[in-house]
């Protein structure tokens, strides 16, 4: 890990060092565009061809139903099923509290009203990345909020395993627990294309959410003229602000938990002056080499592992807000007291006991979070991501004389005579105002 210090470098110079490049996304756009165009032209045939090319298998069924999920649910070990059900209950409890309410206000003296009412999206696609064992937790995180919001149909897209031609049982079981309606056994940019454009087998969705590799993110960026998305997601990120209250071994474990995701993952420790980094570096070195994914961890730390020494907690918060990380761990005394200082972060983990993997799996908060600095303008996935608001207005006869004259003035100022005529036509004949 490389070391920076605010006593030697400005915050701006440090940010320039820490900000990851997005060149890989730009390079992926051309590949993703070719895949999207092929799926739009050829439909299911392109899905099968790309599955064979990229995943090494041509699935017998590209769409699985509830019966397939329930069969897998019966096959998974009892302790895994219990963990999935526990996590599901936790997620549901936290996300149920996010259900939005409508609003209504009186806009004039005699009962004219305006308001908004929430409406769930009709059909949503949840992308879940592949991998040797799959990501059942990501199924729960994507499907449960959508179902709580009232989404009528939730489609999970995830690639098949090469040895079985199907997603892992853990993923299928998680889909059953979460209440998914169907599973598209396709991954990559081709899955995004199928959900955005539709094929003979797959109907198009209204919104696509979920993390994925660089080609999935490039595809999500390119289909936004057809379908809503939750934005693009870069590699996993953690920023840990630490004083001397957290043992070096624990701090090292937190950083390594993110580094094992991907060689591009970013792990940053912001250390207050009261903390020496020697113990931390020794713990990182010892723990990293003993991990099964040591090669991935070490490459991640070589590329994007940083220690930043700061002079105060205020300086640490300024740097953390500028980074707008996916995960921000406040491993400091009075962590809750510093929470109001956090302006930009996907998920804030307060205190020495709150490990990021707890939030990833069982705390009930959502682990589908903004990365690449996008926490500046959006938060983690929630029920609200699956709801839109229908605006309505109702005007009474008694309020027309008060509302129409200023509306007429504005219509005339903008040169819209038909607007003015439509307004004037609502007035009683005796009170008409010339358009």
Protein backbone atom coordinates (compact mmCIF):
# COMPACT_ATOMS: atom_id res chain seq x y z
CA UNK A 1 0.00 0.00 0.00
CA UNK A 2 1.19 3.49 -0.80
CA UNK A 3 1.27 6.23 1.85
CA UNK A 4 0.23 9.87 1.46
CA UNK A 5 0.21 12.65 4.06
CA UNK A 6 -1.77 15.90 4.16
CA UNK A 7 1.22 17.58 5.80
CA UNK A 8 3.15 17.09 2.57
CA UNK A 9 0.38 17.21 -0.06
CA UNK A 10 -2.79 19.25 -0.49
CA UNK A 11 -6.15 17.49 -0.34
CA UNK A 12 -6.55 18.26 -4.05
CA UNK A 13 -3.25 16.55 -4.89
CA UNK A 14 -4.20 13.53 -2.79
CA UNK A 15 -7.58 13.30 -4.51
CA UNK A 16 -5.86 13.27 -7.89
CA UNK A 17 -3.83 10.26 -6.76
CA UNK A 18 -6.82 8.42 -5.29
CA UNK A 19 -9.36 8.96 -8.07
CA UNK A 20 -9.51 5.81 -10.23
CA UNK A 21 -9.38 5.97 -14.01
CA UNK A 22 -12.47 5.23 -16.09
CA UNK A 23 -10.55 4.43 -19.26
CA UNK A 24 -11.68 0.80 -19.09
CA UNK A 25 -15.32 1.88 -19.32
CA UNK A 26 -14.65 3.90 -22.44
CA UNK A 27 -12.93 0.92 -24.07
CA UNK A 28 -15.83 -1.38 -23.13
CA UNK A 29 -18.47 0.80 -24.79
CA UNK A 30 -17.61 -0.33 -28.33
CA UNK A 31 -17.78 -4.01 -27.38
CA UNK A 32 -21.05 -3.51 -25.53
CA UNK A 33 -22.58 -1.63 -28.46
CA UNK A 34 -21.82 -4.53 -30.81
CA UNK A 35 -23.48 -6.99 -28.41
CA UNK A 36 -26.53 -4.78 -27.91
CA UNK A 37 -27.02 -4.38 -31.65
CA UNK A 38 -26.75 -8.14 -32.22
CA UNK A 39 -29.35 -8.94 -29.55
CA UNK A 40 -31.68 -6.27 -30.92
CA UNK A 41 -31.40 -7.87 -34.40
CA UNK A 42 -31.26 -11.57 -33.59
CA UNK A 43 -32.98 -11.93 -30.21
CA UNK A 44 -32.65 -15.30 -28.47
CA UNK A 45 -30.17 -16.59 -31.04
CA UNK A 46 -27.67 -13.90 -30.07
CA UNK A 47 -28.20 -14.65 -26.38
CA UNK A 48 -27.34 -18.32 -26.88
CA UNK A 49 -24.37 -17.54 -29.10
CA UNK A 50 -22.86 -15.09 -26.62
CA UNK A 51 -23.48 -17.47 -23.71
CA UNK A 52 -21.49 -20.11 -25.55
CA UNK A 53 -18.74 -17.64 -26.42
CA UNK A 54 -18.35 -15.93 -23.03
CA UNK A 55 -19.61 -18.49 -20.51
CA UNK A 56 -18.58 -21.66 -22.34
CA UNK A 57 -22.05 -23.18 -22.25
CA UNK A 58 -25.29 -23.04 -24.20
CA UNK A 59 -28.10 -23.25 -21.60
CA UNK A 60 -30.96 -25.62 -22.38
CA UNK A 61 -33.44 -23.13 -20.93
CA UNK A 62 -32.76 -19.41 -20.93
CA UNK A 63 -35.77 -18.64 -18.77
CA UNK A 64 -36.40 -20.43 -15.46
CA UNK A 65 -39.66 -20.22 -13.54
CA UNK A 66 -40.72 -20.46 -9.89
CA UNK A 67 -40.74 -24.26 -10.02
CA UNK A 68 -37.05 -24.28 -10.98
CA UNK A 69 -36.25 -21.91 -8.12
CA UNK A 70 -38.21 -23.97 -5.61
CA UNK A 71 -36.39 -27.13 -6.70
CA UNK A 72 -33.04 -25.47 -6.04
CA UNK A 73 -34.34 -24.17 -2.72
CA UNK A 74 -34.91 -27.75 -1.62
CA UNK A 75 -31.38 -28.74 -2.68
CA UNK A 76 -29.32 -26.13 -0.82
CA UNK A 77 -27.90 -26.95 2.62
CA UNK A 78 -30.21 -26.17 5.53
CA UNK A 79 -27.81 -23.66 7.11
CA UNK A 80 -27.52 -21.71 3.85
CA UNK A 81 -31.29 -21.60 3.43
CA UNK A 82 -31.65 -20.42 7.02
CA UNK A 83 -29.08 -17.67 6.40
CA UNK A 84 -30.89 -16.57 3.23
CA UNK A 85 -34.20 -16.43 5.07
CA UNK A 86 -32.66 -14.51 7.98
CA UNK A 87 -31.07 -11.98 5.63
CA UNK A 88 -34.36 -11.70 3.73
CA UNK A 89 -36.24 -10.81 6.91
CA UNK A 90 -33.65 -8.21 7.86
CA UNK A 91 -33.74 -6.59 4.42
CA UNK A 92 -37.53 -6.57 4.39
CA UNK A 93 -37.72 -4.92 7.82
CA UNK A 94 -35.34 -2.10 6.89
CA UNK A 95 -36.77 -1.53 3.42
CA UNK A 96 -40.40 -1.66 4.50
CA UNK A 97 -39.74 1.52 6.46
CA UNK A 98 -38.77 3.22 3.17
CA UNK A 99 -42.18 2.83 1.53
CA UNK A 100 -43.08 6.30 0.25
CA UNK A 101 -46.34 8.05 1.00
CA UNK A 102 -48.30 10.37 -1.24
CA UNK A 103 -49.03 14.01 -0.48
CA UNK A 104 -51.86 16.46 -1.10
CA UNK A 105 -52.09 20.21 -0.55
CA UNK A 106 -54.80 22.80 -1.02
CA UNK A 107 -53.68 25.30 -3.65
CA UNK A 108 -56.45 27.92 -3.43
CA UNK A 109 -59.21 29.18 -1.16
CA UNK A 110 -62.12 26.96 -2.22
CA UNK A 111 -60.81 23.42 -2.21
CA UNK A 112 -58.63 23.16 -5.33
CA UNK A 113 -56.05 20.49 -4.66
CA UNK A 114 -52.76 19.15 -6.00
CA UNK A 115 -50.71 16.16 -4.97
CA UNK A 116 -48.77 13.07 -5.85
CA UNK A 117 -49.50 9.38 -5.42
CA UNK A 118 -46.84 6.63 -5.55
CA UNK A 119 -47.09 3.93 -8.22
CA UNK A 120 -44.82 0.90 -8.48
CA UNK A 121 -43.05 0.14 -11.75
CA UNK A 122 -44.64 -2.71 -13.71
CA UNK A 123 -41.59 -4.80 -14.58
CA UNK A 124 -38.00 -4.69 -13.32
CA UNK A 125 -34.80 -6.53 -14.21
CA UNK A 126 -32.25 -7.34 -11.48
CA UNK A 127 -28.77 -8.14 -12.78
CA UNK A 128 -26.70 -10.46 -10.57
CA UNK A 129 -23.06 -11.13 -11.52
CA UNK A 130 -21.74 -14.63 -12.02
CA UNK A 131 -18.68 -16.21 -10.46
CA UNK A 132 -17.69 -19.66 -9.20
CA UNK A 133 -20.27 -19.59 -6.39
CA UNK A 134 -22.59 -16.79 -7.48
CA UNK A 135 -23.92 -13.94 -5.37
CA UNK A 136 -27.14 -14.99 -3.65
CA UNK A 137 -26.98 -11.95 -1.37
CA UNK A 138 -27.23 -9.64 -4.39
CA UNK A 139 -30.41 -11.44 -5.45
CA UNK A 140 -31.98 -10.61 -2.08
CA UNK A 141 -30.79 -7.00 -2.22
CA UNK A 142 -32.28 -6.40 -5.66
CA UNK A 143 -35.50 -8.39 -5.55
CA UNK A 144 -36.85 -7.71 -2.05
CA UNK A 145 -37.09 -3.90 -2.33
CA UNK A 146 -38.76 -4.23 -5.74
CA UNK A 147 -41.37 -6.63 -4.40
CA UNK A 148 -41.99 -4.47 -1.32
CA UNK A 149 -42.56 -1.51 -3.64
CA UNK A 150 -45.26 -3.51 -5.44
CA UNK A 151 -43.46 -4.29 -8.70
CA UNK A 152 -45.66 -6.76 -10.55
CA UNK A 153 -42.89 -8.79 -12.19
CA UNK A 154 -39.24 -9.05 -11.20
CA UNK A 155 -36.82 -10.79 -13.57
CA UNK A 156 -33.38 -11.83 -12.32
CA UNK A 157 -30.64 -12.09 -14.96
CA UNK A 158 -27.50 -14.04 -14.09
CA UNK A 159 -25.07 -16.14 -16.15
CA UNK A 160 -24.97 -19.96 -16.18
CA UNK A 161 -22.17 -22.04 -14.74
CA UNK A 162 -20.09 -23.81 -17.34
CA UNK A 163 -20.40 -27.22 -15.66
CA UNK A 164 -24.20 -27.20 -15.21
CA UNK A 165 -25.57 -24.75 -17.77
CA UNK A 166 -27.57 -23.17 -14.95
CA UNK A 167 -26.93 -20.58 -12.21
CA UNK A 168 -25.73 -21.95 -8.84
CA UNK A 169 -28.40 -23.44 -6.60
CA UNK A 170 -27.63 -20.76 -4.01
CA UNK A 171 -28.66 -18.04 -6.47
CA UNK A 172 -31.83 -19.87 -7.52
CA UNK A 173 -32.74 -20.51 -3.87
CA UNK A 174 -32.20 -16.84 -3.03
CA UNK A 175 -34.51 -15.89 -5.90
CA UNK A 176 -37.17 -18.20 -4.46
CA UNK A 177 -36.78 -16.72 -0.98
CA UNK A 178 -36.91 -13.15 -2.30
CA UNK A 179 -39.97 -13.74 -4.48
CA UNK A 180 -38.50 -13.32 -7.96
CA UNK A 181 -40.86 -14.24 -10.80
CA UNK A 182 -38.37 -15.61 -13.34
CA UNK A 183 -34.66 -16.01 -13.99
CA UNK A 184 -32.95 -15.20 -17.26
CA UNK A 185 -29.98 -17.58 -17.55
CA UNK A 186 -27.87 -15.06 -19.42
CA UNK A 187 -25.13 -12.73 -18.22
CA UNK A 188 -23.06 -9.85 -19.48
CA UNK A 189 -24.04 -7.08 -21.85
CA UNK A 190 -26.30 -9.53 -23.70
CA UNK A 191 -28.50 -9.87 -20.59
CA UNK A 192 -28.83 -6.09 -20.37
CA UNK A 193 -29.80 -6.00 -24.05
CA UNK A 194 -32.46 -8.69 -23.57
CA UNK A 195 -34.02 -6.86 -20.63
CA UNK A 196 -33.90 -3.49 -22.38
CA UNK A 197 -35.12 -4.49 -25.85
CA UNK A 198 -36.90 -7.80 -25.26
CA UNK A 199 -36.67 -11.01 -27.31
CA UNK A 200 -39.12 -13.76 -28.25
CA UNK A 201 -38.55 -15.28 -24.79
CA UNK A 202 -37.85 -12.23 -22.64
CA UNK A 203 -40.18 -9.26 -22.32
CA UNK A 204 -38.60 -5.80 -21.93
CA UNK A 205 -38.48 -4.27 -18.46
CA UNK A 206 -39.02 -0.71 -17.25
CA UNK A 207 -35.84 -0.52 -15.18
CA UNK A 208 -32.60 -2.47 -14.80
CA UNK A 209 -30.68 -2.47 -11.52
CA UNK A 210 -27.72 -4.32 -10.10
CA UNK A 211 -23.91 -4.44 -10.27
CA UNK A 212 -21.85 -6.12 -12.96
CA UNK A 213 -18.56 -6.10 -14.81
CA UNK A 214 -17.32 -3.33 -17.06
CA UNK A 215 -19.29 -4.60 -20.07
CA UNK A 216 -22.51 -4.80 -18.06
CA UNK A 217 -21.99 -1.21 -16.96
CA UNK A 218 -21.18 -0.06 -20.48
CA UNK A 219 -24.38 -1.73 -21.70
CA UNK A 220 -26.44 -0.09 -18.95
CA UNK A 221 -25.06 3.26 -20.03
CA UNK A 222 -25.96 2.61 -23.67
CA UNK A 223 -29.56 1.41 -23.15
CA UNK A 224 -30.72 4.43 -21.17
CA UNK A 225 -32.74 5.69 -24.12
CA UNK A 226 -34.88 2.53 -23.81
CA UNK A 227 -35.01 1.77 -20.10
CA UNK A 228 -34.24 3.33 -16.72
CA UNK A 229 -31.19 2.09 -14.79
CA UNK A 230 -29.76 2.59 -11.33
CA UNK A 231 -26.59 4.06 -12.81
CA UNK A 232 -23.26 2.42 -13.50
CA UNK A 233 -21.13 0.75 -10.84
CA UNK A 234 -17.38 0.67 -10.72
CA UNK A 235 -15.23 -1.69 -8.63
CA UNK A 236 -15.89 -2.02 -4.90
CA UNK A 237 -14.60 0.77 -2.64
CA UNK A 238 -13.99 1.23 1.07
CA UNK A 239 -12.63 4.21 2.95
CA UNK A 240 -11.87 3.59 6.63
CA UNK A 241 -11.32 6.61 8.87
CA UNK A 242 -9.47 5.28 11.92
CA UNK A 243 -8.03 6.62 15.14
CA UNK A 244 -6.04 4.46 17.57
CA UNK A 245 -9.14 2.74 19.01
CA UNK A 246 -9.30 -0.06 16.42
CA UNK A 247 -6.66 -2.84 16.50
CA UNK A 248 -4.48 -3.00 13.41
CA UNK A 249 -5.51 -6.59 12.74
CA UNK A 250 -9.20 -5.60 12.60
CA UNK A 251 -8.54 -2.58 10.39
CA UNK A 252 -6.46 -4.75 8.05
CA UNK A 253 -9.25 -7.33 7.81
CA UNK A 254 -11.74 -4.60 6.84
CA UNK A 255 -9.52 -3.33 4.05
CA UNK A 256 -8.79 -6.82 2.74
CA UNK A 257 -12.50 -7.67 2.67
CA UNK A 258 -12.91 -5.14 -0.13
CA UNK A 259 -9.61 -5.91 -1.85
CA UNK A 260 -10.61 -9.56 -2.40
CA UNK A 261 -13.52 -8.51 -4.62
CA UNK A 262 -11.51 -7.51 -7.65
CA UNK A 263 -8.00 -6.42 -8.70
CA UNK A 264 -9.58 -3.01 -9.43
CA UNK A 265 -11.18 -2.68 -5.95
CA UNK A 266 -10.09 0.29 -3.88
CA UNK A 267 -9.16 0.11 -0.18
CA UNK A 268 -8.18 3.36 1.54
CA UNK A 269 -7.27 3.89 5.20
CA UNK A 270 -7.41 7.49 6.42
CA UNK A 271 -5.41 7.49 9.64
CA UNK A 272 -5.55 10.21 12.27
CA UNK A 273 -2.26 11.51 13.65
CA UNK A 274 -2.75 9.52 16.84
CA UNK A 275 -2.36 6.24 14.93
CA UNK A 276 0.88 4.62 13.80
CA UNK A 277 0.69 2.74 10.49
CA UNK A 278 3.42 0.17 11.26
CA UNK A 279 1.08 -2.32 12.96
CA UNK A 280 -1.48 -1.93 10.16
CA UNK A 281 1.03 -2.59 7.38
CA UNK A 282 2.36 -5.65 9.20
CA UNK A 283 -1.18 -7.01 9.68
CA UNK A 284 -2.10 -6.41 6.04
CA UNK A 285 0.99 -8.24 4.83
CA UNK A 286 0.40 -11.22 7.10
CA UNK A 287 -3.32 -11.59 6.46
CA UNK A 288 -3.24 -10.96 2.70
CA UNK A 289 -0.83 -13.80 1.90
CA UNK A 290 -2.88 -16.32 3.88
CA UNK A 291 -6.12 -15.69 1.97
CA UNK A 292 -7.36 -18.10 -0.74
CA UNK A 293 -7.71 -15.10 -3.08
CA UNK A 294 -4.28 -13.74 -2.18
CA UNK A 295 -3.33 -12.97 -5.79
CA UNK A 296 -6.44 -10.82 -6.27
CA UNK A 297 -5.96 -9.09 -2.91
CA UNK A 298 -2.30 -8.28 -3.48
CA UNK A 299 -2.96 -6.95 -6.98
CA UNK A 300 -5.80 -4.79 -5.67
CA UNK A 301 -3.60 -3.35 -2.93
CA UNK A 302 -0.77 -2.74 -5.39
CA UNK A 303 -3.05 -0.79 -7.71
CA UNK A 304 -5.51 0.89 -5.39
CA UNK A 305 -4.43 0.38 -1.79
CA UNK A 306 -3.66 3.60 0.07
CA UNK A 307 -2.90 4.93 3.53
CA UNK A 308 -3.52 8.64 3.97
CA UNK A 309 -2.30 10.36 7.11
CA UNK A 310 -4.36 13.39 8.19
CA UNK A 311 -4.02 15.96 10.97
CA UNK A 312 -7.59 15.93 12.28
CA UNK A 313 -10.96 14.24 12.07
CA UNK A 314 -12.33 17.29 10.25
CA UNK A 315 -9.65 16.91 7.59
CA UNK A 316 -10.49 13.21 7.32
CA UNK A 317 -14.17 14.04 6.75
CA UNK A 318 -13.32 16.61 4.09
CA UNK A 319 -11.28 14.01 2.23
CA UNK A 320 -13.92 11.30 2.64
CA UNK A 321 -16.67 13.60 1.33
CA UNK A 322 -14.55 14.52 -1.67
CA UNK A 323 -14.03 10.81 -2.45
CA UNK A 324 -17.76 10.01 -2.01
CA UNK A 325 -16.96 6.31 -1.45
CA UNK A 326 -19.23 3.31 -1.72
CA UNK A 327 -18.47 2.31 1.90
CA UNK A 328 -17.26 4.74 4.56
CA UNK A 329 -16.24 3.16 7.87
CA UNK A 330 -15.93 5.55 10.82
CA UNK A 331 -13.71 3.49 13.13
CA UNK A 332 -13.30 6.40 15.51
CA UNK A 333 -14.48 7.48 18.94
CA UNK A 334 -17.91 9.16 18.84
CA UNK A 335 -18.56 7.85 15.32
CA UNK A 336 -22.26 8.71 15.53
CA UNK A 337 -21.37 12.26 16.53
CA UNK A 338 -19.44 12.64 13.28
CA UNK A 339 -22.25 11.23 11.12
CA UNK A 340 -23.76 14.69 10.35
CA UNK A 341 -20.40 15.63 8.81
CA UNK A 342 -20.76 12.92 6.17
CA UNK A 343 -22.28 14.46 3.07
CA UNK A 344 -21.34 11.93 0.38
CA UNK A 345 -21.13 8.16 0.94
CA UNK A 346 -23.07 5.13 -0.21
CA UNK A 347 -23.20 3.49 3.22
CA UNK A 348 -21.68 4.76 6.47
CA UNK A 349 -20.63 2.13 9.00
CA UNK A 350 -20.44 3.56 12.50
CA UNK A 351 -18.03 2.39 15.16
CA UNK A 352 -15.49 -0.42 15.55
CA UNK A 353 -18.02 -3.27 15.57
CA UNK A 354 -19.80 -2.45 12.31
CA UNK A 355 -17.94 -4.46 9.68
CA UNK A 356 -18.77 -3.84 6.03
CA UNK A 357 -19.70 -7.53 5.47
CA UNK A 358 -22.45 -7.17 8.09
CA UNK A 359 -24.04 -4.52 5.90
CA UNK A 360 -23.32 -6.64 2.84
CA UNK A 361 -25.26 -9.59 4.20
CA UNK A 362 -27.47 -9.26 7.27
CA UNK A 363 -27.80 -5.73 8.68
CA UNK A 364 -30.78 -5.11 6.40
CA UNK A 365 -29.30 -2.14 4.57
CA UNK A 366 -28.77 -2.54 0.85
CA UNK A 367 -25.36 -3.43 -0.54
CA UNK A 368 -26.13 -2.21 -4.07
CA UNK A 369 -24.41 1.13 -3.61
CA UNK A 370 -23.05 4.01 -5.71
CA UNK A 371 -19.38 3.86 -6.70
CA UNK A 372 -16.96 5.97 -8.75
CA UNK A 373 -17.96 9.08 -6.80
CA UNK A 374 -21.63 8.84 -7.76
CA UNK A 375 -22.59 8.99 -4.06
CA UNK A 376 -22.45 12.74 -4.65
CA UNK A 377 -25.84 12.56 -6.35
CA UNK A 378 -27.48 9.27 -5.39
CA UNK A 379 -27.74 6.85 -2.52
CA UNK A 380 -27.92 3.10 -2.11
CA UNK A 381 -30.69 1.06 -3.68
CA UNK A 382 -34.02 1.42 -1.88
CA UNK A 383 -37.74 0.84 -2.29
CA UNK A 384 -37.94 4.33 -3.78
CA UNK A 385 -35.94 3.16 -6.80
CA UNK A 386 -38.94 1.08 -7.87
CA UNK A 387 -41.59 3.75 -7.41
CA UNK A 388 -42.64 6.71 -9.51
CA UNK A 389 -45.08 9.44 -8.51
CA UNK A 390 -48.22 10.34 -10.43
CA UNK A 391 -48.98 14.05 -10.08
CA UNK A 392 -52.60 15.18 -10.04
CA UNK A 393 -54.49 18.46 -9.74
CA UNK A 394 -58.18 19.20 -9.26
CA UNK A 395 -59.63 22.73 -9.54
CA UNK A 396 -63.01 23.80 -8.20
CA UNK A 397 -65.42 26.19 -9.94
CA UNK A 398 -65.11 28.67 -7.10
CA UNK A 399 -61.32 28.97 -7.48
CA UNK A 400 -61.28 29.61 -11.24
CA UNK A 401 -61.64 33.42 -11.00
CA UNK A 402 -58.52 33.57 -8.80
CA UNK A 403 -56.39 31.06 -10.71
CA UNK A 404 -57.09 31.88 -14.34
CA UNK A 405 -56.08 35.58 -14.64
CA UNK A 406 -52.41 35.05 -13.57
CA UNK A 407 -52.27 31.89 -15.70
CA UNK A 408 -53.55 33.89 -18.69
CA UNK A 409 -50.89 36.51 -18.09
CA UNK A 410 -48.14 33.87 -18.13
CA UNK A 411 -49.53 32.18 -21.26
CA UNK A 412 -49.62 35.50 -23.10
CA UNK A 413 -46.09 36.36 -21.91
CA UNK A 414 -44.85 33.10 -23.44
CA UNK A 415 -46.78 33.64 -26.67
CA UNK A 416 -49.11 30.64 -26.32
CA UNK A 417 -52.51 31.86 -27.49
CA UNK A 418 -54.05 28.37 -27.50
CA UNK A 419 -53.06 28.03 -23.83
CA UNK A 420 -54.78 31.34 -23.12
CA UNK A 421 -57.90 30.28 -25.01
CA UNK A 422 -58.06 26.98 -23.11
CA UNK A 423 -57.90 28.91 -19.85
CA UNK A 424 -60.52 31.47 -20.86
CA UNK A 425 -62.91 28.72 -21.95
CA UNK A 426 -63.09 27.47 -18.35
CA UNK A 427 -64.49 30.74 -17.00
CA UNK A 428 -68.24 31.32 -16.72
CA UNK A 429 -69.47 33.37 -19.70
CA UNK A 430 -70.09 36.40 -17.54
CA UNK A 431 -66.51 36.37 -16.21
CA UNK A 432 -64.59 35.57 -19.39
CA UNK A 433 -61.25 37.28 -19.82
CA UNK A 434 -60.10 38.06 -23.34
CA UNK A 435 -57.19 35.86 -24.42
